[in-house]
Protein backbone atom coordinates (compact mmCIF):
# COMPACT_ATOMS: atom_id res chain seq x y z
CA MET A 1 266.32 288.06 -76.18
CA PRO A 2 266.89 291.38 -74.40
CA ALA A 3 263.97 293.25 -72.92
CA TRP A 4 263.55 297.00 -72.65
CA LEU A 5 262.42 298.82 -69.51
CA ILE A 6 260.93 302.29 -69.17
CA TYR A 7 262.33 304.45 -66.40
CA GLY A 8 260.76 307.65 -65.18
CA LYS A 9 260.93 310.44 -62.65
CA VAL A 10 259.13 313.68 -61.79
CA ILE A 11 261.38 316.68 -62.45
CA LYS A 12 258.98 319.47 -61.35
CA LYS A 13 256.19 319.55 -58.76
CA MET A 14 252.97 318.09 -60.12
CA PRO A 15 249.73 316.47 -58.87
CA LEU A 16 249.45 312.70 -59.17
CA SER A 17 246.78 310.23 -58.11
CA ASP A 18 247.15 308.96 -54.56
CA GLY A 19 245.44 305.66 -55.42
CA ASN A 20 242.33 306.52 -53.39
CA GLY A 21 240.59 308.76 -55.89
CA GLY A 22 242.39 311.91 -54.74
CA LYS A 23 245.46 313.80 -55.82
CA LYS A 24 248.67 314.71 -54.04
CA ILE A 25 251.53 317.00 -55.03
CA VAL A 26 254.67 315.04 -55.85
CA GLU A 27 258.02 316.71 -55.26
CA PRO A 28 260.83 316.35 -57.85
CA GLN A 29 262.55 312.98 -57.67
CA THR A 30 266.34 312.66 -57.85
CA THR A 31 266.64 309.23 -59.48
CA PHE A 32 265.02 307.38 -62.33
CA ARG A 33 263.14 304.22 -61.34
CA ALA A 34 261.76 301.46 -63.51
CA LEU A 35 258.03 301.71 -64.20
CA ASN A 36 255.45 298.94 -64.19
CA TYR A 37 252.76 298.57 -66.85
CA GLN A 38 250.55 301.09 -65.00
CA GLY A 39 253.31 303.71 -65.01
CA ARG A 40 254.09 303.42 -61.30
CA ARG A 41 257.66 303.43 -60.03
CA VAL A 42 258.87 300.08 -58.70
CA SER A 43 261.80 299.23 -56.45
CA LYS A 44 262.45 295.73 -57.86
CA LEU A 45 263.23 295.20 -61.54
CA ALA A 46 261.22 291.97 -61.42
CA ASP A 47 258.09 294.14 -60.99
CA ALA A 48 258.92 296.43 -63.96
CA GLY A 49 257.08 296.29 -67.27
CA LYS A 50 259.17 294.55 -69.93
CA TYR A 51 258.94 295.30 -73.65
CA TYR A 52 260.67 293.05 -76.17
CA GLU A 53 260.98 295.74 -78.84
CA LYS A 54 262.42 299.17 -78.17
CA GLU A 55 259.88 300.64 -80.60
CA MET A 56 256.99 299.36 -78.45
CA ALA A 57 258.50 300.95 -75.34
CA GLN A 58 258.94 304.19 -77.28
CA LYS A 59 255.26 304.13 -78.29
CA ILE A 60 254.29 303.81 -74.62
CA VAL A 61 256.55 306.74 -73.68
CA ASP A 62 255.15 308.85 -76.53
CA LYS A 63 251.59 308.09 -75.44
CA ALA A 64 252.35 308.98 -71.81
CA GLN A 65 254.15 312.17 -72.83
CA ALA A 66 251.21 313.22 -75.03
CA TYR A 67 248.86 312.65 -72.08
CA TRP A 68 250.95 314.84 -69.77
CA ASP A 69 251.32 317.50 -72.48
CA LYS A 70 247.53 317.61 -72.82
CA GLN A 71 247.17 317.95 -69.03
CA GLY A 72 249.70 320.81 -69.00
CA TYR A 73 252.43 318.87 -67.16
CA GLY A 74 254.54 317.70 -70.11
CA ASP A 75 257.68 319.36 -68.79
CA CYS A 76 257.28 317.80 -65.31
CA VAL A 77 258.05 314.17 -66.18
CA ALA A 78 261.14 312.60 -67.75
CA TYR A 79 261.41 309.12 -69.26
CA GLU A 80 264.29 306.89 -70.37
CA ILE A 81 264.23 303.55 -72.18
CA ARG A 82 267.00 301.17 -71.09
CA LYS A 83 267.96 297.63 -72.02
CA SER A 84 267.45 295.19 -69.15
CA LYS A 85 270.40 293.33 -67.74
């Protein structure tokens, strides 16, 4: 059964958590990377969050996009849903 992965990248400067309770400004990223279940970019596909229905992955993307829209950064992040290989 194929799995679906969510890919993401920052397309405009925006503040993101630095993991230590603070924020840092993230510059635009040139490539999409797979995201884990916490929404962090990963370098290995084995670490990416896998969804077995495309609709479930789309719900996650919609929820994340709504969060960023509410924060005022909705146009700073881009997402793609791709079938895993």
